[in-house]
Amino acid sequence: TMGWYRQAPGKQRELVVTITSGARTNYADSVKGRFTISRDNAK
C-alpha cells in the first residue's frame, strides 16, 4: 500500500488517500471528487 498524508499548520497529520497494490483506493471525504491517486507498480 502507498498513500498520501498531510499536516496543516496547528493540526495533526491526517490521511488524504491510500492505494493498494491492486489499485483499491481509500479517500478522505474532504478530498473525494477533487483528488485522484495513481501508481505505477513497475516504477
ModelCIF file with pLDDT and N, C-alpha, C, O atoms, coordinates in Angstrom:
data_MODEL
#
_entry.id   MODEL 
#
_entity.id                         1 
_entity.type                       polymer 
_entity.pdbx_number_of_molecules   1 
#
_entity_poly.entity_id                      1 
_entity_poly.type                           'polypeptide(L)' 
_entity_poly.nstd_linkage                   no 
_entity_poly.nstd_monomer                   no 
_entity_poly.pdbx_seq_one_letter_code       TMGWYRQAPGKQRELVVTITSGARTNYADSVKGRFTISRDNAK 
_entity_poly.pdbx_seq_one_letter_code_can   TMGWYRQAPGKQRELVVTITSGARTNYADSVKGRFTISRDNAK 
_entity_poly.pdbx_strand_id                 A 
#
loop_
_entity_poly_seq.entity_id 
_entity_poly_seq.num 
_entity_poly_seq.mon_id 
_entity_poly_seq.hetero 
1 1  THR n 
1 2  MET n 
1 3  GLY n 
1 4  TRP n 
1 5  TYR n 
1 6  ARG n 
1 7  GLN n 
1 8  ALA n 
1 9  PRO n 
1 10 GLY n 
1 11 LYS n 
1 12 GLN n 
1 13 ARG n 
1 14 GLU n 
1 15 LEU n 
1 16 VAL n 
1 17 VAL n 
1 18 THR n 
1 19 ILE n 
1 20 THR n 
1 21 SER n 
1 22 GLY n 
1 23 ALA n 
1 24 ARG n 
1 25 THR n 
1 26 ASN n 
1 27 TYR n 
1 28 ALA n 
1 29 ASP n 
1 30 SER n 
1 31 VAL n 
1 32 LYS n 
1 33 GLY n 
1 34 ARG n 
1 35 PHE n 
1 36 THR n 
1 37 ILE n 
1 38 SER n 
1 39 ARG n 
1 40 ASP n 
1 41 ASN n 
1 42 ALA n 
1 43 LYS n 
#
_struct_asym.id          A 
_struct_asym.entity_id   1 
#
loop_
_ma_qa_metric.id 
_ma_qa_metric.mode 
_ma_qa_metric.name 
_ma_qa_metric.software_group_id 
_ma_qa_metric.type 
1 global pLDDT . pLDDT 
2 local  pLDDT . pLDDT 
#
_ma_qa_metric_global.metric_id      1 
_ma_qa_metric_global.metric_value   96.58 
_ma_qa_metric_global.model_id       1 
_ma_qa_metric_global.ordinal_id     1 
#
loop_
_ma_qa_metric_local.label_asym_id 
_ma_qa_metric_local.label_comp_id 
_ma_qa_metric_local.label_seq_id 
_ma_qa_metric_local.metric_id 
_ma_qa_metric_local.metric_value 
_ma_qa_metric_local.model_id 
_ma_qa_metric_local.ordinal_id 
A THR 1  2 97.00 1 1  
A MET 2  2 97.00 1 2  
A GLY 3  2 98.00 1 3  
A TRP 4  2 98.00 1 4  
A TYR 5  2 98.00 1 5  
A ARG 6  2 98.00 1 6  
A GLN 7  2 98.00 1 7  
A ALA 8  2 97.00 1 8  
A PRO 9  2 91.00 1 9  
A GLY 10 2 94.00 1 10 
A LYS 11 2 96.00 1 11 
A GLN 12 2 97.00 1 12 
A ARG 13 2 97.00 1 13 
A GLU 14 2 98.00 1 14 
A LEU 15 2 98.00 1 15 
A VAL 16 2 98.00 1 16 
A VAL 17 2 98.00 1 17 
A THR 18 2 98.00 1 18 
A ILE 19 2 98.00 1 19 
A THR 20 2 97.00 1 20 
A SER 21 2 93.00 1 21 
A GLY 22 2 93.00 1 22 
A ALA 23 2 94.00 1 23 
A ARG 24 2 97.00 1 24 
A THR 25 2 98.00 1 25 
A ASN 26 2 98.00 1 26 
A TYR 27 2 98.00 1 27 
A ALA 28 2 98.00 1 28 
A ASP 29 2 98.00 1 29 
A SER 30 2 98.00 1 30 
A VAL 31 2 98.00 1 31 
A LYS 32 2 98.00 1 32 
A GLY 33 2 98.00 1 33 
A ARG 34 2 98.00 1 34 
A PHE 35 2 98.00 1 35 
A THR 36 2 98.00 1 36 
A ILE 37 2 98.00 1 37 
A SER 38 2 97.00 1 38 
A ARG 39 2 96.00 1 39 
A ASP 40 2 94.00 1 40 
A ASN 41 2 90.00 1 41 
A ALA 42 2 91.00 1 42 
A LYS 43 2 93.00 1 43 
#
loop_
_atom_site.group_PDB 
_atom_site.id 
_atom_site.type_symbol 
_atom_site.label_atom_id 
_atom_site.label_alt_id 
_atom_site.label_comp_id 
_atom_site.label_asym_id 
_atom_site.label_entity_id 
_atom_site.label_seq_id 
_atom_site.pdbx_PDB_ins_code 
_atom_site.Cartn_x 
_atom_site.Cartn_y 
_atom_site.Cartn_z 
_atom_site.occupancy 
_atom_site.B_iso_or_equiv 
_atom_site.pdbx_formal_charge 
_atom_site.auth_seq_id 
_atom_site.auth_comp_id 
_atom_site.auth_asym_id 
_atom_site.auth_atom_id 
_atom_site.pdbx_PDB_model_num 
ATOM 1   N N  . THR A 1 1  ? 0.820   -1.201 0.000   1.00 97.00 ? 1  THR A N  1 
ATOM 2   C CA . THR A 1 1  ? 0.000   0.000  0.000   1.00 97.00 ? 1  THR A CA 1 
ATOM 3   C C  . THR A 1 1  ? 0.861   1.260  0.000   1.00 97.00 ? 1  THR A C  1 
ATOM 4   O O  . THR A 1 1  ? 1.859   1.333  0.716   1.00 97.00 ? 1  THR A O  1 
ATOM 5   N N  . MET A 1 2  ? 0.474   2.252  -0.804  1.00 97.00 ? 2  MET A N  1 
ATOM 6   C CA . MET A 1 2  ? 1.086   3.563  -0.812  1.00 97.00 ? 2  MET A CA 1 
ATOM 7   C C  . MET A 1 2  ? 0.007   4.592  -0.491  1.00 97.00 ? 2  MET A C  1 
ATOM 8   O O  . MET A 1 2  ? -1.186  4.307  -0.600  1.00 97.00 ? 2  MET A O  1 
ATOM 9   N N  . GLY A 1 3  ? 0.429   5.773  -0.100  1.00 98.00 ? 3  GLY A N  1 
ATOM 10  C CA . GLY A 1 3  ? -0.561  6.778  0.212   1.00 98.00 ? 3  GLY A CA 1 
ATOM 11  C C  . GLY A 1 3  ? 0.022   8.154  0.402   1.00 98.00 ? 3  GLY A C  1 
ATOM 12  O O  . GLY A 1 3  ? 1.237   8.351  0.407   1.00 98.00 ? 3  GLY A O  1 
ATOM 13  N N  . TRP A 1 4  ? -0.888  9.107  0.558   1.00 98.00 ? 4  TRP A N  1 
ATOM 14  C CA . TRP A 1 4  ? -0.539  10.487 0.849   1.00 98.00 ? 4  TRP A CA 1 
ATOM 15  C C  . TRP A 1 4  ? -1.221  10.924 2.129   1.00 98.00 ? 4  TRP A C  1 
ATOM 16  O O  . TRP A 1 4  ? -2.396  10.633 2.355   1.00 98.00 ? 4  TRP A O  1 
ATOM 17  N N  . TYR A 1 5  ? -0.474  11.623 2.960   1.00 98.00 ? 5  TYR A N  1 
ATOM 18  C CA . TYR A 1 5  ? -0.970  12.219 4.192   1.00 98.00 ? 5  TYR A CA 1 
ATOM 19  C C  . TYR A 1 5  ? -0.592  13.693 4.184   1.00 98.00 ? 5  TYR A C  1 
ATOM 20  O O  . TYR A 1 5  ? 0.289   14.107 3.430   1.00 98.00 ? 5  TYR A O  1 
ATOM 21  N N  . ARG A 1 6  ? -1.254  14.486 5.022   1.00 98.00 ? 6  ARG A N  1 
ATOM 22  C CA . ARG A 1 6  ? -0.918  15.901 5.082   1.00 98.00 ? 6  ARG A CA 1 
ATOM 23  C C  . ARG A 1 6  ? -1.042  16.411 6.505   1.00 98.00 ? 6  ARG A C  1 
ATOM 24  O O  . ARG A 1 6  ? -1.775  15.858 7.325   1.00 98.00 ? 6  ARG A O  1 
ATOM 25  N N  . GLN A 1 7  ? -0.309  17.476 6.776   1.00 98.00 ? 7  GLN A N  1 
ATOM 26  C CA . GLN A 1 7  ? -0.353  18.116 8.074   1.00 98.00 ? 7  GLN A CA 1 
ATOM 27  C C  . GLN A 1 7  ? -0.424  19.624 7.866   1.00 98.00 ? 7  GLN A C  1 
ATOM 28  O O  . GLN A 1 7  ? 0.515   20.236 7.356   1.00 98.00 ? 7  GLN A O  1 
ATOM 29  N N  . ALA A 1 8  ? -1.542  20.214 8.264   1.00 97.00 ? 8  ALA A N  1 
ATOM 30  C CA . ALA A 1 8  ? -1.754  21.647 8.161   1.00 97.00 ? 8  ALA A CA 1 
ATOM 31  C C  . ALA A 1 8  ? -1.216  22.336 9.408   1.00 97.00 ? 8  ALA A C  1 
ATOM 32  O O  . ALA A 1 8  ? -1.041  21.691 10.441  1.00 97.00 ? 8  ALA A O  1 
ATOM 33  N N  . PRO A 1 9  ? -0.949  23.646 9.326   1.00 91.00 ? 9  PRO A N  1 
ATOM 34  C CA . PRO A 1 9  ? -0.446  24.366 10.492  1.00 91.00 ? 9  PRO A CA 1 
ATOM 35  C C  . PRO A 1 9  ? -1.372  24.220 11.696  1.00 91.00 ? 9  PRO A C  1 
ATOM 36  O O  . PRO A 1 9  ? -2.574  24.465 11.595  1.00 91.00 ? 9  PRO A O  1 
ATOM 37  N N  . GLY A 1 10 ? -0.811  23.823 12.827  1.00 94.00 ? 10 GLY A N  1 
ATOM 38  C CA . GLY A 1 10 ? -1.574  23.685 14.050  1.00 94.00 ? 10 GLY A CA 1 
ATOM 39  C C  . GLY A 1 10 ? -2.478  22.475 14.124  1.00 94.00 ? 10 GLY A C  1 
ATOM 40  O O  . GLY A 1 10 ? -3.277  22.366 15.054  1.00 94.00 ? 10 GLY A O  1 
ATOM 41  N N  . LYS A 1 11 ? -2.377  21.562 13.172  1.00 96.00 ? 11 LYS A N  1 
ATOM 42  C CA . LYS A 1 11 ? -3.242  20.387 13.143  1.00 96.00 ? 11 LYS A CA 1 
ATOM 43  C C  . LYS A 1 11 ? -2.420  19.101 13.111  1.00 96.00 ? 11 LYS A C  1 
ATOM 44  O O  . LYS A 1 11 ? -1.222  19.119 12.830  1.00 96.00 ? 11 LYS A O  1 
ATOM 45  N N  . GLN A 1 12 ? -3.087  17.988 13.405  1.00 97.00 ? 12 GLN A N  1 
ATOM 46  C CA . GLN A 1 12 ? -2.449  16.681 13.346  1.00 97.00 ? 12 GLN A CA 1 
ATOM 47  C C  . GLN A 1 12 ? -2.350  16.194 11.901  1.00 97.00 ? 12 GLN A C  1 
ATOM 48  O O  . GLN A 1 12 ? -3.096  16.639 11.030  1.00 97.00 ? 12 GLN A O  1 
ATOM 49  N N  . ARG A 1 13 ? -1.424  15.280 11.666  1.00 97.00 ? 13 ARG A N  1 
ATOM 50  C CA . ARG A 1 13 ? -1.325  14.649 10.360  1.00 97.00 ? 13 ARG A CA 1 
ATOM 51  C C  . ARG A 1 13 ? -2.588  13.836 10.085  1.00 97.00 ? 13 ARG A C  1 
ATOM 52  O O  . ARG A 1 13 ? -3.101  13.153 10.972  1.00 97.00 ? 13 ARG A O  1 
ATOM 53  N N  . GLU A 1 14 ? -3.083  13.912 8.857   1.00 98.00 ? 14 GLU A N  1 
ATOM 54  C CA . GLU A 1 14 ? -4.303  13.215 8.503   1.00 98.00 ? 14 GLU A CA 1 
ATOM 55  C C  . GLU A 1 14 ? -4.143  12.475 7.181   1.00 98.00 ? 14 GLU A C  1 
ATOM 56  O O  . GLU A 1 14 ? -3.332  12.844 6.332   1.00 98.00 ? 14 GLU A O  1 
ATOM 57  N N  . LEU A 1 15 ? -4.934  11.430 7.034   1.00 98.00 ? 15 LEU A N  1 
ATOM 58  C CA . LEU A 1 15 ? -4.968  10.670 5.792   1.00 98.00 ? 15 LEU A CA 1 
ATOM 59  C C  . LEU A 1 15 ? -5.570  11.509 4.673   1.00 98.00 ? 15 LEU A C  1 
ATOM 60  O O  . LEU A 1 15 ? -6.591  12.170 4.866   1.00 98.00 ? 15 LEU A O  1 
ATOM 61  N N  . VAL A 1 16 ? -4.941  11.483 3.507   1.00 98.00 ? 16 VAL A N  1 
ATOM 62  C CA . VAL A 1 16 ? -5.529  12.043 2.298   1.00 98.00 ? 16 VAL A CA 1 
ATOM 63  C C  . VAL A 1 16 ? -6.117  10.913 1.462   1.00 98.00 ? 16 VAL A C  1 
ATOM 64  O O  . VAL A 1 16 ? -7.308  10.922 1.150   1.00 98.00 ? 16 VAL A O  1 
ATOM 65  N N  . VAL A 1 17 ? -5.282  9.941  1.100   1.00 98.00 ? 17 VAL A N  1 
ATOM 66  C CA . VAL A 1 17 ? -5.726  8.800  0.310   1.00 98.00 ? 17 VAL A CA 1 
ATOM 67  C C  . VAL A 1 17 ? -4.678  7.701  0.367   1.00 98.00 ? 17 VAL A C  1 
ATOM 68  O O  . VAL A 1 17 ? -3.484  7.978  0.481   1.00 98.00 ? 17 VAL A O  1 
ATOM 69  N N  . THR A 1 18 ? -5.129  6.451  0.288   1.00 98.00 ? 18 THR A N  1 
ATOM 70  C CA . THR A 1 18 ? -4.233  5.316  0.127   1.00 98.00 ? 18 THR A CA 1 
ATOM 71  C C  . THR A 1 18 ? -4.639  4.525  -1.104  1.00 98.00 ? 18 THR A C  1 
ATOM 72  O O  . THR A 1 18 ? -5.774  4.607  -1.573  1.00 98.00 ? 18 THR A O  1 
ATOM 73  N N  . ILE A 1 19 ? -3.680  3.754  -1.620  1.00 98.00 ? 19 ILE A N  1 
ATOM 74  C CA . ILE A 1 19 ? -3.938  2.888  -2.765  1.00 98.00 ? 19 ILE A CA 1 
ATOM 75  C C  . ILE A 1 19 ? -3.155  1.599  -2.577  1.00 98.00 ? 19 ILE A C  1 
ATOM 76  O O  . ILE A 1 19 ? -1.957  1.633  -2.297  1.00 98.00 ? 19 ILE A O  1 
ATOM 77  N N  . THR A 1 20 ? -3.827  0.460  -2.729  1.00 97.00 ? 20 THR A N  1 
ATOM 78  C CA . THR A 1 20 ? -3.190  -0.832 -2.554  1.00 97.00 ? 20 THR A CA 1 
ATOM 79  C C  . THR A 1 20 ? -2.463  -1.243 -3.821  1.00 97.00 ? 20 THR A C  1 
ATOM 80  O O  . THR A 1 20 ? -2.580  -0.589 -4.857  1.00 97.00 ? 20 THR A O  1 
ATOM 81  N N  . SER A 1 21 ? -1.708  -2.336 -3.731  1.00 93.00 ? 21 SER A N  1 
ATOM 82  C CA . SER A 1 21 ? -1.016  -2.852 -4.899  1.00 93.00 ? 21 SER A CA 1 
ATOM 83  C C  . SER A 1 21 ? -1.992  -3.291 -5.983  1.00 93.00 ? 21 SER A C  1 
ATOM 84  O O  . SER A 1 21 ? -1.630  -3.331 -7.159  1.00 93.00 ? 21 SER A O  1 
ATOM 85  N N  . GLY A 1 22 ? -3.217  -3.620 -5.607  1.00 93.00 ? 22 GLY A N  1 
ATOM 86  C CA . GLY A 1 22 ? -4.257  -3.964 -6.559  1.00 93.00 ? 22 GLY A CA 1 
ATOM 87  C C  . GLY A 1 22 ? -5.102  -2.783 -6.999  1.00 93.00 ? 22 GLY A C  1 
ATOM 88  O O  . GLY A 1 22 ? -6.122  -2.963 -7.664  1.00 93.00 ? 22 GLY A O  1 
ATOM 89  N N  . ALA A 1 23 ? -4.683  -1.560 -6.628  1.00 94.00 ? 23 ALA A N  1 
ATOM 90  C CA . ALA A 1 23 ? -5.302  -0.308 -7.068  1.00 94.00 ? 23 ALA A CA 1 
ATOM 91  C C  . ALA A 1 23 ? -6.629  -0.004 -6.373  1.00 94.00 ? 23 ALA A C  1 
ATOM 92  O O  . ALA A 1 23 ? -7.410  0.805  -6.874  1.00 94.00 ? 23 ALA A O  1 
ATOM 93  N N  . ARG A 1 24 ? -6.896  -0.628 -5.245  1.00 97.00 ? 24 ARG A N  1 
ATOM 94  C CA . ARG A 1 24 ? -8.038  -0.215 -4.440  1.00 97.00 ? 24 ARG A CA 1 
ATOM 95  C C  . ARG A 1 24 ? -7.677  1.073  -3.703  1.00 97.00 ? 24 ARG A C  1 
ATOM 96  O O  . ARG A 1 24 ? -6.567  1.206  -3.189  1.00 97.00 ? 24 ARG A O  1 
ATOM 97  N N  . THR A 1 25 ? -8.610  2.017  -3.653  1.00 98.00 ? 25 THR A N  1 
ATOM 98  C CA . THR A 1 25 ? -8.341  3.334  -3.081  1.00 98.00 ? 25 THR A CA 1 
ATOM 99  C C  . THR A 1 25 ? -9.240  3.628  -1.894  1.00 98.00 ? 25 THR A C  1 
ATOM 100 O O  . THR A 1 25 ? -10.333 3.077  -1.762  1.00 98.00 ? 25 THR A O  1 
ATOM 101 N N  . ASN A 1 26 ? -8.753  4.507  -1.037  1.00 98.00 ? 26 ASN A N  1 
ATOM 102 C CA . ASN A 1 26 ? -9.495  4.965  0.128   1.00 98.00 ? 26 ASN A CA 1 
ATOM 103 C C  . ASN A 1 26 ? -9.219  6.455  0.301   1.00 98.00 ? 26 ASN A C  1 
ATOM 104 O O  . ASN A 1 26 ? -8.132  6.834  0.737   1.00 98.00 ? 26 ASN A O  1 
ATOM 105 N N  . TYR A 1 27 ? -10.191 7.303  -0.037  1.00 98.00 ? 27 TYR A N  1 
ATOM 106 C CA . TYR A 1 27 ? -10.044 8.750  0.023   1.00 98.00 ? 27 TYR A CA 1 
ATOM 107 C C  . TYR A 1 27 ? -10.681 9.327  1.269   1.00 98.00 ? 27 TYR A C  1 
ATOM 108 O O  . TYR A 1 27 ? -11.721 8.853  1.726   1.00 98.00 ? 27 TYR A O  1 
ATOM 109 N N  . ALA A 1 28 ? -10.050 10.357 1.818   1.00 98.00 ? 28 ALA A N  1 
ATOM 110 C CA . ALA A 1 28 ? -10.705 11.151 2.832   1.00 98.00 ? 28 ALA A CA 1 
ATOM 111 C C  . ALA A 1 28 ? -11.893 11.880 2.218   1.00 98.00 ? 28 ALA A C  1 
ATOM 112 O O  . ALA A 1 28 ? -11.842 12.296 1.061   1.00 98.00 ? 28 ALA A O  1 
ATOM 113 N N  . ASP A 1 29 ? -12.962 12.033 2.996   1.00 98.00 ? 29 ASP A N  1 
ATOM 114 C CA . ASP A 1 29 ? -14.148 12.704 2.476   1.00 98.00 ? 29 ASP A CA 1 
ATOM 115 C C  . ASP A 1 29 ? -13.848 14.118 1.988   1.00 98.00 ? 29 ASP A C  1 
ATOM 116 O O  . ASP A 1 29 ? -14.478 14.593 1.043   1.00 98.00 ? 29 ASP A O  1 
ATOM 117 N N  . SER A 1 30 ? -12.899 14.790 2.618   1.00 98.00 ? 30 SER A N  1 
ATOM 118 C CA . SER A 1 30 ? -12.606 16.172 2.294   1.00 98.00 ? 30 SER A CA 1 
ATOM 119 C C  . SER A 1 30 ? -11.992 16.356 0.910   1.00 98.00 ? 30 SER A C  1 
ATOM 120 O O  . SER A 1 30 ? -12.022 17.461 0.367   1.00 98.00 ? 30 SER A O  1 
ATOM 121 N N  . VAL A 1 31 ? -11.436 15.291 0.331   1.00 98.00 ? 31 VAL A N  1 
ATOM 122 C CA . VAL A 1 31 ? -10.788 15.409 -0.974  1.00 98.00 ? 31 VAL A CA 1 
ATOM 123 C C  . VAL A 1 31 ? -11.472 14.585 -2.046  1.00 98.00 ? 31 VAL A C  1 
ATOM 124 O O  . VAL A 1 31 ? -11.114 14.687 -3.220  1.00 98.00 ? 31 VAL A O  1 
ATOM 125 N N  . LYS A 1 32 ? -12.437 13.778 -1.678  1.00 98.00 ? 32 LYS A N  1 
ATOM 126 C CA . LYS A 1 32 ? -13.112 12.908 -2.638  1.00 98.00 ? 32 LYS A CA 1 
ATOM 127 C C  . LYS A 1 32 ? -13.764 13.739 -3.738  1.00 98.00 ? 32 LYS A C  1 
ATOM 128 O O  . LYS A 1 32 ? -14.463 14.714 -3.463  1.00 98.00 ? 32 LYS A O  1 
ATOM 129 N N  . GLY A 1 33 ? -13.530 13.346 -4.975  1.00 98.00 ? 33 GLY A N  1 
ATOM 130 C CA . GLY A 1 33 ? -14.060 14.066 -6.113  1.00 98.00 ? 33 GLY A CA 1 
ATOM 131 C C  . GLY A 1 33 ? -13.158 15.156 -6.634  1.00 98.00 ? 33 GLY A C  1 
ATOM 132 O O  . GLY A 1 33 ? -13.378 15.658 -7.736  1.00 98.00 ? 33 GLY A O  1 
ATOM 133 N N  . ARG A 1 34 ? -12.144 15.538 -5.873  1.00 98.00 ? 34 ARG A N  1 
ATOM 134 C CA . ARG A 1 34 ? -11.203 16.576 -6.292  1.00 98.00 ? 34 ARG A CA 1 
ATOM 135 C C  . ARG A 1 34 ? -9.794  16.030 -6.523  1.00 98.00 ? 34 ARG A C  1 
ATOM 136 O O  . ARG A 1 34 ? -9.090  16.481 -7.426  1.00 98.00 ? 34 ARG A O  1 
ATOM 137 N N  . PHE A 1 35 ? -9.388  15.060 -5.704  1.00 98.00 ? 35 PHE A N  1 
ATOM 138 C CA . PHE A 1 35 ? -8.050  14.483 -5.797  1.00 98.00 ? 35 PHE A CA 1 
ATOM 139 C C  . PHE A 1 35 ? -8.132  13.088 -6.404  1.00 98.00 ? 35 PHE A C  1 
ATOM 140 O O  . PHE A 1 35 ? -9.118  12.377 -6.214  1.00 98.00 ? 35 PHE A O  1 
ATOM 141 N N  . THR A 1 36 ? -7.099  12.705 -7.130  1.00 98.00 ? 36 THR A N  1 
ATOM 142 C CA . THR A 1 36 ? -7.019  11.378 -7.720  1.00 98.00 ? 36 THR A CA 1 
ATOM 143 C C  . THR A 1 36 ? -5.621  10.811 -7.521  1.00 98.00 ? 36 THR A C  1 
ATOM 144 O O  . THR A 1 36 ? -4.629  11.444 -7.883  1.00 98.00 ? 36 THR A O  1 
ATOM 145 N N  . ILE A 1 37 ? -5.546  9.617  -6.947  1.00 98.00 ? 37 ILE A N  1 
ATOM 146 C CA . ILE A 1 37 ? -4.268  8.951  -6.752  1.00 98.00 ? 37 ILE A CA 1 
ATOM 147 C C  . ILE A 1 37 ? -4.062  7.917  -7.855  1.00 98.00 ? 37 ILE A C  1 
ATOM 148 O O  . ILE A 1 37 ? -5.020  7.310  -8.334  1.00 98.00 ? 37 ILE A O  1 
ATOM 149 N N  . SER A 1 38 ? -2.816  7.724  -8.250  1.00 97.00 ? 38 SER A N  1 
ATOM 150 C CA . SER A 1 38 ? -2.477  6.691  -9.212  1.00 97.00 ? 38 SER A CA 1 
ATOM 151 C C  . SER A 1 38 ? -1.095  6.149  -8.884  1.00 97.00 ? 38 SER A C  1 
ATOM 152 O O  . SER A 1 38 ? -0.310  6.812  -8.205  1.00 97.00 ? 38 SER A O  1 
ATOM 153 N N  . ARG A 1 39 ? -0.795  4.947  -9.363  1.00 96.00 ? 39 ARG A N  1 
ATOM 154 C CA . ARG A 1 39 ? 0.511   4.359  -9.107  1.00 96.00 ? 39 ARG A CA 1 
ATOM 155 C C  . ARG A 1 39 ? 0.993   3.578  -10.315 1.00 96.00 ? 39 ARG A C  1 
ATOM 156 O O  . ARG A 1 39 ? 0.206   3.126  -11.147 1.00 96.00 ? 39 ARG A O  1 
ATOM 157 N N  . ASP A 1 40 ? 2.292   3.435  -10.386 1.00 94.00 ? 40 ASP A N  1 
ATOM 158 C CA . ASP A 1 40 ? 2.939   2.644  -11.418 1.00 94.00 ? 40 ASP A CA 1 
ATOM 159 C C  . ASP A 1 40 ? 3.777   1.602  -10.694 1.00 94.00 ? 40 ASP A C  1 
ATOM 160 O O  . ASP A 1 40 ? 4.852   1.910  -10.179 1.00 94.00 ? 40 ASP A O  1 
ATOM 161 N N  . ASN A 1 41 ? 3.287   0.379  -10.655 1.00 90.00 ? 41 ASN A N  1 
ATOM 162 C CA . ASN A 1 41 ? 3.961   -0.672 -9.900  1.00 90.00 ? 41 ASN A CA 1 
ATOM 163 C C  . ASN A 1 41 ? 5.332   -1.016 -10.477 1.00 90.00 ? 41 ASN A C  1 
ATOM 164 O O  . ASN A 1 41 ? 6.240   -1.398 -9.739  1.00 90.00 ? 41 ASN A O  1 
ATOM 165 N N  . ALA A 1 42 ? 5.481   -0.880 -11.790 1.00 91.00 ? 42 ALA A N  1 
ATOM 166 C CA . ALA A 1 42 ? 6.754   -1.187 -12.424 1.00 91.00 ? 42 ALA A CA 1 
ATOM 167 C C  . ALA A 1 42 ? 7.836   -0.183 -12.050 1.00 91.00 ? 42 ALA A C  1 
ATOM 168 O O  . ALA A 1 42 ? 9.014   -0.533 -11.980 1.00 91.00 ? 42 ALA A O  1 
ATOM 169 N N  . LYS A 1 43 ? 7.437   1.069  -11.809 1.00 93.00 ? 43 LYS A N  1 
ATOM 170 C CA . LYS A 1 43 ? 8.384   2.129  -11.488 1.00 93.00 ? 43 LYS A CA 1 
ATOM 171 C C  . LYS A 1 43 ? 8.432   2.463  -10.001 1.00 93.00 ? 43 LYS A C  1 
ATOM 172 O O  . LYS A 1 43 ? 9.190   3.341  -9.590  1.00 93.00 ? 43 LYS A O  1 
#
